[in-house]
């Protein structure tokens, strides 16, 4: 495990995790394309994915990627903005926070701001959260680089809140 957040391999792994099916589900950006995007400096972190629409001309100039593929990728990027809040938490790649823990956190904290400001004591009141996970969450949200990424995700329109859904068509209505 490399602790250097600027390590190129780590950046690529975070990008691949972010776009994966269980996370933001951005089809078309796999291992090969993520490596190219990083090499060509079209993407430096996961928030840059949401600026790819502004770099369409540069994407078209890349070898081995067709216009139709770029169109599909940009549609997938747009669609990913509506992924459930729990998937976004998982996609952020917080150490020790898997998909089940992300679901639990999304139910307990209804926005990224609530989660970011959670205290260790409050986090540990949640049955599935222990000291290791709570420390990881607090460390993640205290890092300036991660705060910047979250700010840019908000600006891009990524859903960073749990939307309350009211039940419809109940049996007694």
Protein backbone atom coordinates (compact mmCIF):
# COMPACT_ATOMS: atom_id res chain seq x y z
CA UNK A 1 0.00 0.00 0.00
CA UNK A 2 1.53 3.26 -1.17
CA UNK A 3 0.79 6.28 1.03
CA UNK A 4 1.84 8.82 -1.62
CA UNK A 5 -1.43 10.29 -2.96
CA UNK A 6 0.42 11.78 -5.95
CA UNK A 7 1.80 8.39 -7.01
CA UNK A 8 0.81 7.91 -10.69
CA UNK A 9 -0.24 4.30 -10.11
CA UNK A 10 -2.44 5.34 -7.21
CA UNK A 11 -4.06 8.10 -9.25
CA UNK A 12 -4.86 5.61 -12.01
CA UNK A 13 -6.24 3.05 -9.54
CA UNK A 14 -8.45 5.71 -7.91
CA UNK A 15 -9.69 6.77 -11.34
CA UNK A 16 -10.47 3.18 -12.32
CA UNK A 17 -12.27 2.58 -9.02
CA UNK A 18 -14.29 5.80 -9.41
CA UNK A 19 -15.55 4.88 -12.91
CA UNK A 20 -16.17 1.19 -12.08
CA UNK A 21 -19.61 -0.42 -12.31
CA UNK A 22 -20.15 -0.58 -8.53
CA UNK A 23 -19.18 3.06 -8.13
CA UNK A 24 -20.06 5.75 -10.70
CA UNK A 25 -20.58 3.24 -13.54
CA UNK A 26 -18.96 5.31 -16.30
CA UNK A 27 -18.77 2.80 -19.11
CA UNK A 28 -16.04 3.23 -21.67
CA UNK A 29 -13.33 4.45 -19.32
CA UNK A 30 -11.38 1.34 -18.54
CA UNK A 31 -7.79 0.65 -17.64
CA UNK A 32 -6.38 1.55 -21.06
CA UNK A 33 -8.32 4.78 -21.54
CA UNK A 34 -7.73 5.96 -17.96
CA UNK A 35 -3.98 5.50 -18.53
CA UNK A 36 -4.19 7.53 -21.75
CA UNK A 37 -6.26 10.28 -20.10
CA UNK A 38 -3.71 10.57 -17.32
CA UNK A 39 -0.71 10.41 -19.68
CA UNK A 40 -2.19 13.13 -21.92
CA UNK A 41 -3.06 15.16 -18.78
CA UNK A 42 -6.73 15.37 -19.78
CA UNK A 43 -7.51 14.06 -16.29
CA UNK A 44 -5.45 14.59 -13.15
CA UNK A 45 -7.99 13.33 -10.60
CA UNK A 46 -11.52 11.92 -10.52
CA UNK A 47 -13.21 15.34 -10.58
CA UNK A 48 -11.60 16.08 -13.96
CA UNK A 49 -13.79 13.39 -15.54
CA UNK A 50 -16.65 15.88 -15.40
CA UNK A 51 -14.67 18.38 -17.48
CA UNK A 52 -14.10 15.99 -20.39
CA UNK A 53 -17.00 17.55 -22.33
CA UNK A 54 -14.89 20.73 -22.52
CA UNK A 55 -12.00 18.70 -23.95
CA UNK A 56 -13.88 16.89 -26.70
CA UNK A 57 -11.52 18.13 -29.44
CA UNK A 58 -8.53 16.77 -27.51
CA UNK A 59 -10.35 13.46 -27.00
CA UNK A 60 -10.99 13.21 -30.74
CA UNK A 61 -7.28 13.62 -31.42
CA UNK A 62 -6.42 10.54 -29.33
CA UNK A 63 -5.47 7.39 -31.21
CA UNK A 64 -7.72 4.31 -31.12
CA UNK A 65 -10.83 6.13 -29.90
CA UNK A 66 -13.71 6.78 -32.24
CA UNK A 67 -16.14 9.69 -32.20
CA UNK A 68 -19.02 7.36 -31.27
CA UNK A 69 -17.03 6.03 -28.29
CA UNK A 70 -16.35 9.56 -27.08
CA UNK A 71 -20.04 10.39 -27.41
CA UNK A 72 -20.99 7.31 -25.37
CA UNK A 73 -18.39 8.10 -22.71
CA UNK A 74 -19.61 11.69 -22.36
CA UNK A 75 -23.21 10.43 -22.02
CA UNK A 76 -22.10 7.95 -19.34
CA UNK A 77 -20.27 10.76 -17.50
CA UNK A 78 -23.44 12.88 -17.55
CA UNK A 79 -25.61 9.96 -16.40
CA UNK A 80 -23.21 9.21 -13.53
CA UNK A 81 -24.09 12.52 -11.88
CA UNK A 82 -27.38 10.95 -10.77
CA UNK A 83 -25.91 7.86 -9.12
CA UNK A 84 -27.16 7.29 -5.56
CA UNK A 85 -25.28 9.08 -2.80
CA UNK A 86 -24.05 5.76 -1.37
CA UNK A 87 -22.35 4.94 -4.71
CA UNK A 88 -20.59 8.32 -4.66
CA UNK A 89 -19.32 7.66 -1.13
CA UNK A 90 -17.99 4.29 -2.31
CA UNK A 91 -16.53 5.84 -5.49
CA UNK A 92 -14.49 8.34 -3.47
CA UNK A 93 -12.26 5.46 -2.40
CA UNK A 94 -12.17 6.17 1.32
CA UNK A 95 -9.90 3.53 2.83
CA UNK A 96 -11.85 0.70 4.53
CA UNK A 97 -15.19 1.99 3.18
CA UNK A 98 -16.70 -0.64 0.91
CA UNK A 99 -20.11 -0.62 -0.72
CA UNK A 100 -21.98 -1.90 2.36
CA UNK A 101 -20.35 0.67 4.63
CA UNK A 102 -21.11 3.37 2.04
CA UNK A 103 -24.80 2.36 2.14
CA UNK A 104 -24.80 2.61 5.94
CA UNK A 105 -23.11 6.02 5.85
CA UNK A 106 -25.57 7.36 3.25
CA UNK A 107 -28.49 6.33 5.47
CA UNK A 108 -26.95 7.97 8.53
CA UNK A 109 -25.57 11.12 6.88
CA UNK A 110 -27.77 12.60 4.17
CA UNK A 111 -25.15 14.80 2.50
CA UNK A 112 -21.44 14.93 1.91
CA UNK A 113 -21.24 17.96 4.23
CA UNK A 114 -22.83 16.00 7.09
CA UNK A 115 -20.47 13.09 6.54
CA UNK A 116 -17.42 15.35 6.24
CA UNK A 117 -18.21 17.07 9.53
CA UNK A 118 -19.01 13.87 11.47
CA UNK A 119 -17.04 13.36 14.64
CA UNK A 120 -15.25 10.13 15.46
CA UNK A 121 -17.58 9.64 18.42
CA UNK A 122 -20.70 9.98 16.26
CA UNK A 123 -19.29 7.70 13.57
CA UNK A 124 -18.50 5.03 16.15
CA UNK A 125 -22.10 5.06 17.40
CA UNK A 126 -23.02 3.39 14.10
CA UNK A 127 -22.89 -0.39 14.71
CA UNK A 128 -20.84 -1.27 11.60
CA UNK A 129 -18.28 1.51 12.09
CA UNK A 130 -15.27 0.92 14.30
CA UNK A 131 -12.19 3.00 15.10
CA UNK A 132 -10.30 1.98 11.93
CA UNK A 133 -13.12 3.04 9.58
CA UNK A 134 -13.94 6.21 11.50
CA UNK A 135 -10.27 7.25 11.45
CA UNK A 136 -10.16 6.63 7.68
CA UNK A 137 -13.26 8.75 7.09
CA UNK A 138 -11.96 11.62 9.21
CA UNK A 139 -8.50 11.45 7.61
CA UNK A 140 -10.04 11.44 4.12
CA UNK A 141 -12.17 14.53 4.73
CA UNK A 142 -9.34 16.40 6.47
CA UNK A 143 -7.06 16.18 3.43
CA UNK A 144 -7.09 19.36 1.37
CA UNK A 145 -6.78 17.45 -1.92
CA UNK A 146 -9.96 15.48 -1.14
CA UNK A 147 -11.82 18.63 -0.07
CA UNK A 148 -10.89 20.18 -3.41
CA UNK A 149 -12.13 17.13 -5.34
CA UNK A 150 -15.44 17.17 -3.47
CA UNK A 151 -15.86 20.89 -4.14
CA UNK A 152 -15.28 20.30 -7.86
CA UNK A 153 -17.71 17.35 -7.88
CA UNK A 154 -20.36 19.63 -6.37
CA UNK A 155 -19.64 22.27 -9.02
CA UNK A 156 -19.96 19.60 -11.73
CA UNK A 157 -23.42 18.68 -10.45
CA UNK A 158 -22.67 15.25 -9.00
CA UNK A 159 -25.35 14.23 -6.50
CA UNK A 160 -23.73 14.41 -3.09
CA UNK A 161 -26.94 14.23 -1.09
CA UNK A 162 -29.35 11.45 -0.32
CA UNK A 163 -32.69 12.27 -1.84
CA UNK A 164 -35.61 11.46 0.37
CA UNK A 165 -38.12 9.31 -1.45
CA UNK A 166 -41.70 9.21 -0.37
CA UNK A 167 -43.52 5.95 -0.89
CA UNK A 168 -46.20 6.00 -3.55
CA UNK A 169 -49.08 3.65 -4.23
CA UNK A 170 -49.22 2.20 -0.75
CA UNK A 171 -51.75 -0.61 -0.25
CA UNK A 172 -54.14 1.55 1.79
CA UNK A 173 -54.08 4.68 -0.37
